[in-house]
PDB file of N, CA and C in Angstrom:
ATOM      1  N   UNK A   1      24.485-180.128-228.962  1.00  0.00           N
ATOM      2  CA  UNK A   1      24.925-180.134-227.238  1.00  0.00           C
ATOM      3  C   UNK A   1      24.356-181.365-226.247  1.00  0.00           C
ATOM      4  N   UNK A   2      24.698-182.453-226.240  1.00  0.00           N
ATOM      5  CA  UNK A   2      24.044-183.532-225.364  1.00  0.00           C
ATOM      6  C   UNK A   2      23.335-182.841-223.896  1.00  0.00           C
ATOM      7  N   UNK A   3      22.368-183.668-223.581  1.00  0.00           N
ATOM      8  CA  UNK A   3      21.832-183.324-222.245  1.00  0.00           C
ATOM      9  C   UNK A   3      22.176-184.106-221.187  1.00  0.00           C
ATOM     10  N   UNK A   4      23.209-183.688-220.610  1.00  0.00           N
ATOM     11  CA  UNK A   4      24.029-184.174-219.860  1.00  0.00           C
ATOM     12  C   UNK A   4      22.949-184.228-218.019  1.00  0.00           C
ATOM     13  N   UNK A   5      22.904-185.468-217.751  1.00  0.00           N
ATOM     14  CA  UNK A   5      22.198-185.396-216.202  1.00  0.00           C
ATOM     15  C   UNK A   5      23.303-185.529-214.951  1.00  0.00           C
ATOM     16  N   UNK A   6      23.823-184.394-214.643  1.00  0.00           N
ATOM     17  CA  UNK A   6      24.575-184.082-213.701  1.00  0.00           C
ATOM     18  C   UNK A   6      24.230-184.779-212.440  1.00  0.00           C
ATOM     19  N   UNK A   7      23.035-185.189-212.035  1.00  0.00           N
ATOM     20  CA  UNK A   7      22.710-186.032-210.702  1.00  0.00           C
ATOM     21  C   UNK A   7      23.274-187.257-211.020  1.00  0.00           C
ATOM     22  N   UNK A   8      23.823-187.669-212.097  1.00  0.00           N
ATOM     23  CA  UNK A   8      24.515-189.193-211.947  1.00  0.00           C
ATOM     24  C   UNK A   8      26.087-189.237-211.832  1.00  0.00           C
ATOM     25  N   UNK A   9      26.468-187.880-212.196  1.00  0.00           N
ATOM     26  CA  UNK A   9      27.766-187.801-211.849  1.00  0.00           C
ATOM     27  C   UNK A   9      28.761-187.903-210.493  1.00  0.00           C
ATOM     28  N   UNK A  10      29.724-187.909-210.513  1.00  0.00           N
ATOM     29  CA  UNK A  10      30.563-188.149-209.141  1.00  0.00           C
ATOM     30  C   UNK A  10      30.691-186.504-208.788  1.00  0.00           C
ATOM     31  N   UNK A  11      30.714-186.298-207.346  1.00  0.00           N
ATOM     32  CA  UNK A  11      30.391-185.157-206.709  1.00  0.00           C
ATOM     33  C   UNK A  11      31.493-184.012-207.485  1.00  0.00           C
ATOM     34  N   UNK A  12      33.028-184.592-207.402  1.00  0.00           N
ATOM     35  CA  UNK A  12      33.920-183.706-208.104  1.00  0.00           C
ATOM     36  C   UNK A  12      33.959-183.979-209.648  1.00  0.00           C
ATOM     37  N   UNK A  13      33.062-184.649-210.183  1.00  0.00           N
ATOM     38  CA  UNK A  13      33.022-184.273-211.815  1.00  0.00           C
ATOM     39  C   UNK A  13      32.783-183.069-212.305  1.00  0.00           C
ATOM     40  N   UNK A  14      33.585-182.483-212.998  1.00  0.00           N
ATOM     41  CA  UNK A  14      33.705-181.255-213.540  1.00  0.00           C
ATOM     42  C   UNK A  14      33.490-181.300-215.408  1.00  0.00           C
ATOM     43  N   UNK A  15      33.797-182.199-215.991  1.00  0.00           N
ATOM     44  CA  UNK A  15      33.204-182.482-217.598  1.00  0.00           C
ATOM     45  C   UNK A  15      32.635-183.911-217.818  1.00  0.00           C
ATOM     46  N   UNK A  16      31.972-183.812-218.949  1.00  0.00           N
ATOM     47  CA  UNK A  16      31.319-185.345-219.215  1.00  0.00           C
ATOM     48  C   UNK A  16      31.715-184.836-221.027  1.00  0.00           C
ATOM     49  N   UNK A  17      32.340-186.411-221.214  1.00  0.00           N
ATOM     50  CA  UNK A  17      32.672-186.380-223.021  1.00  0.00           C
ATOM     51  C   UNK A  17      32.817-187.608-223.496  1.00  0.00           C
ATOM     52  N   UNK A  18      32.165-188.123-224.469  1.00  0.00           N
ATOM     53  CA  UNK A  18      32.199-188.854-225.067  1.00  0.00           C
ATOM     54  C   UNK A  18      33.717-189.181-226.311  1.00  0.00           C
ATOM     55  N   UNK A  19      34.171-190.380-225.878  1.00  0.00           N
ATOM     56  CA  UNK A  19      35.542-190.593-226.945  1.00  0.00           C
ATOM     57  C   UNK A  19      35.597-191.317-228.230  1.00  0.00           C
ATOM     58  N   UNK A  20      36.591-191.174-228.928  1.00  0.00           N
ATOM     59  CA  UNK A  20      36.141-191.860-230.301  1.00  0.00           C
ATOM     60  C   UNK A  20      35.614-193.106-230.710  1.00  0.00           C
ATOM     61  N   UNK A  21      35.875-193.782-229.406  1.00  0.00           N
ATOM     62  CA  UNK A  21      34.863-195.294-229.597  1.00  0.00           C
ATOM     63  C   UNK A  21      33.736-195.198-229.193  1.00  0.00           C
ATOM     64  N   UNK A  22      33.137-194.223-228.547  1.00  0.00           N
ATOM     65  CA  UNK A  22      31.812-194.331-228.626  1.00  0.00           C
ATOM     66  C   UNK A  22      31.458-194.275-227.022  1.00  0.00           C
ATOM     67  N   UNK A  23      32.530-194.236-226.118  1.00  0.00           N
ATOM     68  CA  UNK A  23      32.305-194.437-224.429  1.00  0.00           C
ATOM     69  C   UNK A  23      32.316-193.362-223.908  1.00  0.00           C
ATOM     70  N   UNK A  24      31.749-193.170-222.985  1.00  0.00           N
ATOM     71  CA  UNK A  24      31.550-191.438-222.015  1.00  0.00           C
ATOM     72  C   UNK A  24      31.845-191.710-220.896  1.00  0.00           C
ATOM     73  N   UNK A  25      32.327-190.561-220.610  1.00  0.00           N
ATOM     74  CA  UNK A  25      32.961-190.678-219.157  1.00  0.00           C
ATOM     75  C   UNK A  25      32.976-189.189-218.403  1.00  0.00           C
ATOM     76  N   UNK A  26      32.888-189.278-217.321  1.00  0.00           N
ATOM     77  CA  UNK A  26      33.259-187.929-216.116  1.00  0.00           C
ATOM     78  C   UNK A  26      34.630-187.920-215.868  1.00  0.00           C
ATOM     79  N   UNK A  27      35.058-186.407-216.153  1.00  0.00           N
ATOM     80  CA  UNK A  27      36.461-186.130-215.532  1.00  0.00           C
ATOM     81  C   UNK A  27      36.282-185.283-214.451  1.00  0.00           C
ATOM     82  N   UNK A  28      37.174-185.644-213.785  1.00  0.00           N
ATOM     83  CA  UNK A  28      37.088-184.847-212.226  1.00  0.00           C
ATOM     84  C   UNK A  28      38.145-183.759-212.153  1.00  0.00           C
ATOM     85  N   UNK A  29      37.975-182.859-211.175  1.00  0.00           N
ATOM     86  CA  UNK A  29      38.699-181.594-211.140  1.00  0.00           C
ATOM     87  C   UNK A  29      40.301-182.132-210.143  1.00  0.00           C
ATOM     88  N   UNK A  30      41.154-182.114-211.012  1.00  0.00           N
ATOM     89  CA  UNK A  30      42.806-182.531-210.493  1.00  0.00           C
ATOM     90  C   UNK A  30      42.762-181.846-209.140  1.00  0.00           C
ATOM     91  N   UNK A  31      43.357-182.785-208.462  1.00  0.00           N
ATOM     92  CA  UNK A  31      43.512-182.550-206.908  1.00  0.00           C
ATOM     93  C   UNK A  31      45.166-182.193-206.745  1.00  0.00           C
ATOM     94  N   UNK A  32      45.223-180.777-206.115  1.00  0.00           N
ATOM     95  CA  UNK A  32      46.551-180.432-205.756  1.00  0.00           C
ATOM     96  C   UNK A  32      47.019-180.862-204.059  1.00  0.00           C
ATOM     97  N   UNK A  33      47.953-181.785-204.264  1.00  0.00           N
ATOM     98  CA  UNK A  33      48.293-182.111-203.166  1.00  0.00           C
ATOM     99  C   UNK A  33      49.100-180.992-202.351  1.00  0.00           C
ATOM    100  N   UNK A  34      48.876-180.858-200.841  1.00  0.00           N
ATOM    101  CA  UNK A  34      49.586-180.146-200.160  1.00  0.00           C
ATOM    102  C   UNK A  34      51.080-180.436-200.028  1.00  0.00           C
ATOM    103  N   UNK A  35      51.570-179.533-199.641  1.00  0.00           N
ATOM    104  CA  UNK A  35      53.393-179.260-199.857  1.00  0.00           C
ATOM    105  C   UNK A  35      53.799-179.947-200.916  1.00  0.00           C
ATOM    106  N   UNK A  36      53.214-179.777-201.968  1.00  0.00           N
ATOM    107  CA  UNK A  36      53.977-180.129-203.363  1.00  0.00           C
ATOM    108  C   UNK A  36      53.927-179.069-204.409  1.00  0.00           C
ATOM    109  N   UNK A  37      54.315-179.064-205.523  1.00  0.00           N
ATOM    110  CA  UNK A  37      54.057-178.258-206.633  1.00  0.00           C
ATOM    111  C   UNK A  37      53.525-178.910-207.802  1.00  0.00           C
ATOM    112  N   UNK A  38      52.539-179.885-207.669  1.00  0.00           N
ATOM    113  CA  UNK A  38      52.216-180.497-209.107  1.00  0.00           C
ATOM    114  C   UNK A  38      50.540-181.114-208.550  1.00  0.00           C
ATOM    115  N   UNK A  39      49.742-181.479-209.398  1.00  0.00           N
ATOM    116  CA  UNK A  39      48.652-182.225-209.126  1.00  0.00           C
ATOM    117  C   UNK A  39      48.349-183.146-209.854  1.00  0.00           C
ATOM    118  N   UNK A  40      47.382-183.976-209.159  1.00  0.00           N
ATOM    119  CA  UNK A  40      46.644-185.568-209.734  1.00  0.00           C
ATOM    120  C   UNK A  40      45.420-185.214-210.342  1.00  0.00           C
ATOM    121  N   UNK A  41      45.366-186.140-211.419  1.00  0.00           N
ATOM    122  CA  UNK A  41      44.030-185.934-212.033  1.00  0.00           C
ATOM    123  C   UNK A  41      43.945-187.555-211.946  1.00  0.00           C
ATOM    124  N   UNK A  42      42.480-187.913-211.676  1.00  0.00           N
ATOM    125  CA  UNK A  42      42.231-189.259-211.317  1.00  0.00           C
ATOM    126  C   UNK A  42      41.457-189.630-212.759  1.00  0.00           C
ATOM    127  N   UNK A  43      41.602-191.065-212.814  1.00  0.00           N
ATOM    128  CA  UNK A  43      41.238-191.762-214.074  1.00  0.00           C
ATOM    129  C   UNK A  43      39.751-191.206-214.693  1.00  0.00           C
ATOM    130  N   UNK A  44      39.690-191.317-215.565  1.00  0.00           N
ATOM    131  CA  UNK A  44      38.147-190.867-216.208  1.00  0.00           C
ATOM    132  C   UNK A  44      37.102-192.142-215.523  1.00  0.00           C
ATOM    133  N   UNK A  45      35.838-191.663-215.364  1.00  0.00           N
ATOM    134  CA  UNK A  45      34.764-192.277-214.595  1.00  0.00           C
ATOM    135  C   UNK A  45      33.922-192.776-215.541  1.00  0.00           C
ATOM    136  N   UNK A  46      33.639-194.056-216.028  1.00  0.00           N
ATOM    137  CA  UNK A  46      32.360-194.449-216.971  1.00  0.00           C
ATOM    138  C   UNK A  46      31.242-193.419-216.770  1.00  0.00           C
ATOM    139  N   UNK A  47      30.550-193.501-217.898  1.00  0.00           N
ATOM    140  CA  UNK A  47      29.448-192.395-217.338  1.00  0.00           C
ATOM    141  C   UNK A  47      28.319-192.894-218.694  1.00  0.00           C
ATOM    142  N   UNK A  48      26.974-192.426-218.511  1.00  0.00           N
ATOM    143  CA  UNK A  48      26.197-192.920-219.406  1.00  0.00           C
ATOM    144  C   UNK A  48      26.520-192.250-220.342  1.00  0.00           C
ATOM    145  N   UNK A  49      25.752-192.493-221.596  1.00  0.00           N
ATOM    146  CA  UNK A  49      26.113-191.933-222.785  1.00  0.00           C
ATOM    147  C   UNK A  49      24.808-190.572-223.200  1.00  0.00           C
ATOM    148  N   UNK A  50      23.939-190.572-222.612  1.00  0.00           N
ATOM    149  CA  UNK A  50      22.523-189.985-222.443  1.00  0.00           C
ATOM    150  C   UNK A  50      22.246-189.641-223.823  1.00  0.00           C
ATOM    151  N   UNK A  51      22.301-190.480-224.914  1.00  0.00           N
ATOM    152  CA  UNK A  51      21.764-190.726-226.079  1.00  0.00           C
ATOM    153  C   UNK A  51      22.467-189.758-227.058  1.00  0.00           C
ATOM    154  N   UNK A  52      23.752-189.399-226.458  1.00  0.00           N
ATOM    155  CA  UNK A  52      24.557-188.750-227.485  1.00  0.00           C
ATOM    156  C   UNK A  52      25.063-189.798-229.065  1.00  0.00           C
ATOM    157  N   UNK A  53      25.111-188.771-230.204  1.00  0.00           N
ATOM    158  CA  UNK A  53      25.092-189.598-231.249  1.00  0.00           C
ATOM    159  C   UNK A  53      26.050-188.647-232.369  1.00  0.00           C
ATOM    160  N   UNK A  54      26.211-187.392-231.974  1.00  0.00           N
ATOM    161  CA  UNK A  54      27.246-186.721-232.709  1.00  0.00           C
ATOM    162  C   UNK A  54      28.608-186.809-232.615  1.00  0.00           C
ATOM    163  N   UNK A  55      29.397-185.669-233.149  1.00  0.00           N
ATOM    164  CA  UNK A  55      30.614-185.995-233.633  1.00  0.00           C
ATOM    165  C   UNK A  55      31.438-185.856-231.942  1.00  0.00           C
ATOM    166  N   UNK A  56      32.115-187.126-231.631  1.00  0.00           N
ATOM    167  CA  UNK A  56      32.628-187.193-230.276  1.00  0.00           C
ATOM    168  C   UNK A  56      33.508-185.929-230.120  1.00  0.00           C
ATOM    169  N   UNK A  57      34.224-185.365-230.970  1.00  0.00           N
ATOM    170  CA  UNK A  57      34.993-184.161-230.958  1.00  0.00           C
ATOM    171  C   UNK A  57      34.392-182.879-230.378  1.00  0.00           C
ATOM    172  N   UNK A  58      32.918-182.586-230.371  1.00  0.00           N
ATOM    173  CA  UNK A  58      32.178-181.896-230.126  1.00  0.00           C
ATOM    174  C   UNK A  58      31.299-182.157-228.772  1.00  0.00           C
ATOM    175  N   UNK A  59      31.724-183.108-228.106  1.00  0.00           N
ATOM    176  CA  UNK A  59      31.132-183.775-226.856  1.00  0.00           C
ATOM    177  C   UNK A  59      31.121-183.141-225.679  1.00  0.00           C
ATOM    178  N   UNK A  60      32.399-182.357-225.623  1.00  0.00           N
ATOM    179  CA  UNK A  60      32.885-181.759-224.298  1.00  0.00           C
ATOM    180  C   UNK A  60      31.379-181.231-223.529  1.00  0.00           C
ATOM    181  N   UNK A  61      31.289-181.123-222.319  1.00  0.00           N
ATOM    182  CA  UNK A  61      30.201-180.423-221.681  1.00  0.00           C
ATOM    183  C   UNK A  61      30.824-180.401-220.084  1.00  0.00           C
ATOM    184  N   UNK A  62      30.796-178.863-220.203  1.00  0.00           N
ATOM    185  CA  UNK A  62      31.514-178.405-218.683  1.00  0.00           C
ATOM    186  C   UNK A  62      30.189-178.526-217.691  1.00  0.00           C
ATOM    187  N   UNK A  63      30.673-178.791-216.629  1.00  0.00           N
ATOM    188  CA  UNK A  63      29.415-178.616-215.408  1.00  0.00           C
ATOM    189  C   UNK A  63      29.780-176.881-214.899  1.00  0.00           C
ATOM    190  N   UNK A  64      28.519-176.617-214.855  1.00  0.00           N
ATOM    191  CA  UNK A  64      28.478-175.251-214.365  1.00  0.00           C
ATOM    192  C   UNK A  64      27.896-175.366-212.819  1.00  0.00           C
ATOM    193  N   UNK A  65      28.839-174.874-211.856  1.00  0.00           N
ATOM    194  CA  UNK A  65      28.388-174.884-210.599  1.00  0.00           C
ATOM    195  C   UNK A  65      28.015-173.833-210.118  1.00  0.00           C
ATOM    196  N   UNK A  66      27.069-173.932-209.355  1.00  0.00           N
ATOM    197  CA  UNK A  66      26.098-172.567-208.592  1.00  0.00           C
ATOM    198  C   UNK A  66      26.705-171.917-207.241  1.00  0.00           C
TER     199      UNK A  66
END
Protein backbone atom coordinates (compact mmCIF):
# COMPACT_ATOMS: atom_id res chain seq x y z
CA UNK A 1 0.00 0.00 0.00
CA UNK A 2 1.36 3.44 -0.89
CA UNK A 3 2.37 5.84 1.86
CA UNK A 4 -0.05 8.68 1.04
CA UNK A 5 0.65 11.99 2.77
CA UNK A 6 -2.81 13.45 3.32
CA UNK A 7 -1.31 16.85 4.21
CA UNK A 8 -1.06 17.41 0.43
CA UNK A 9 -4.73 16.56 -0.20
CA UNK A 10 -7.63 18.95 -0.73
CA UNK A 11 -9.72 19.28 2.44
CA UNK A 12 -12.62 17.25 1.02
CA UNK A 13 -10.47 14.51 -0.58
CA UNK A 14 -11.60 11.07 0.52
CA UNK A 15 -9.56 8.77 -1.75
CA UNK A 16 -6.21 8.69 -3.55
CA UNK A 17 -5.44 6.39 -6.47
CA UNK A 18 -3.22 5.90 -9.50
CA UNK A 19 -4.76 5.34 -12.93
CA UNK A 20 -3.56 2.86 -15.57
CA UNK A 21 -1.42 5.59 -17.17
CA UNK A 22 0.50 6.18 -13.92
CA UNK A 23 -1.15 9.47 -12.97
CA UNK A 24 -2.23 9.91 -9.35
CA UNK A 25 -5.38 11.74 -8.31
CA UNK A 26 -7.37 12.81 -5.27
CA UNK A 27 -11.06 11.93 -5.37
CA UNK A 28 -13.40 14.08 -3.33
CA UNK A 29 -16.59 13.30 -1.44
CA UNK A 30 -19.69 13.82 -3.62
CA UNK A 31 -21.67 16.98 -2.95
CA UNK A 32 -25.42 16.55 -2.41
CA UNK A 33 -27.22 19.68 -3.51
CA UNK A 34 -30.10 20.95 -1.32
CA UNK A 35 -33.63 20.39 -2.67
CA UNK A 36 -32.48 17.78 -5.18
CA UNK A 37 -32.39 14.02 -5.28
CA UNK A 38 -28.95 13.63 -6.86
CA UNK A 39 -25.31 14.37 -6.07
CA UNK A 40 -22.40 15.88 -7.95
CA UNK A 41 -18.89 14.52 -8.00
CA UNK A 42 -16.04 16.89 -8.73
CA UNK A 43 -13.41 15.99 -11.26
CA UNK A 44 -10.38 14.16 -9.85
CA UNK A 45 -7.62 16.49 -8.67
CA UNK A 46 -4.02 15.73 -9.76
CA UNK A 47 -1.95 14.36 -6.88
CA UNK A 48 1.63 13.29 -6.18
CA UNK A 49 2.40 9.62 -6.86
CA UNK A 50 4.23 9.25 -3.54
CA UNK A 51 6.62 6.84 -5.29
CA UNK A 52 3.89 4.27 -6.02
CA UNK A 53 5.10 1.65 -8.49
CA UNK A 54 2.71 -1.28 -7.97
CA UNK A 55 -0.39 -2.49 -9.77
CA UNK A 56 -2.61 0.56 -10.36
CA UNK A 57 -5.70 -1.59 -9.68
CA UNK A 58 -4.51 -1.97 -6.09
CA UNK A 59 -3.59 1.68 -5.50
CA UNK A 60 -6.87 2.97 -4.03
CA UNK A 61 -6.36 4.37 -0.52
CA UNK A 62 -9.22 5.74 1.57
CA UNK A 63 -8.65 8.62 3.94
CA UNK A 64 -9.57 7.72 7.50
CA UNK A 65 -11.07 10.73 9.17
CA UNK A 66 -10.71 11.14 12.90
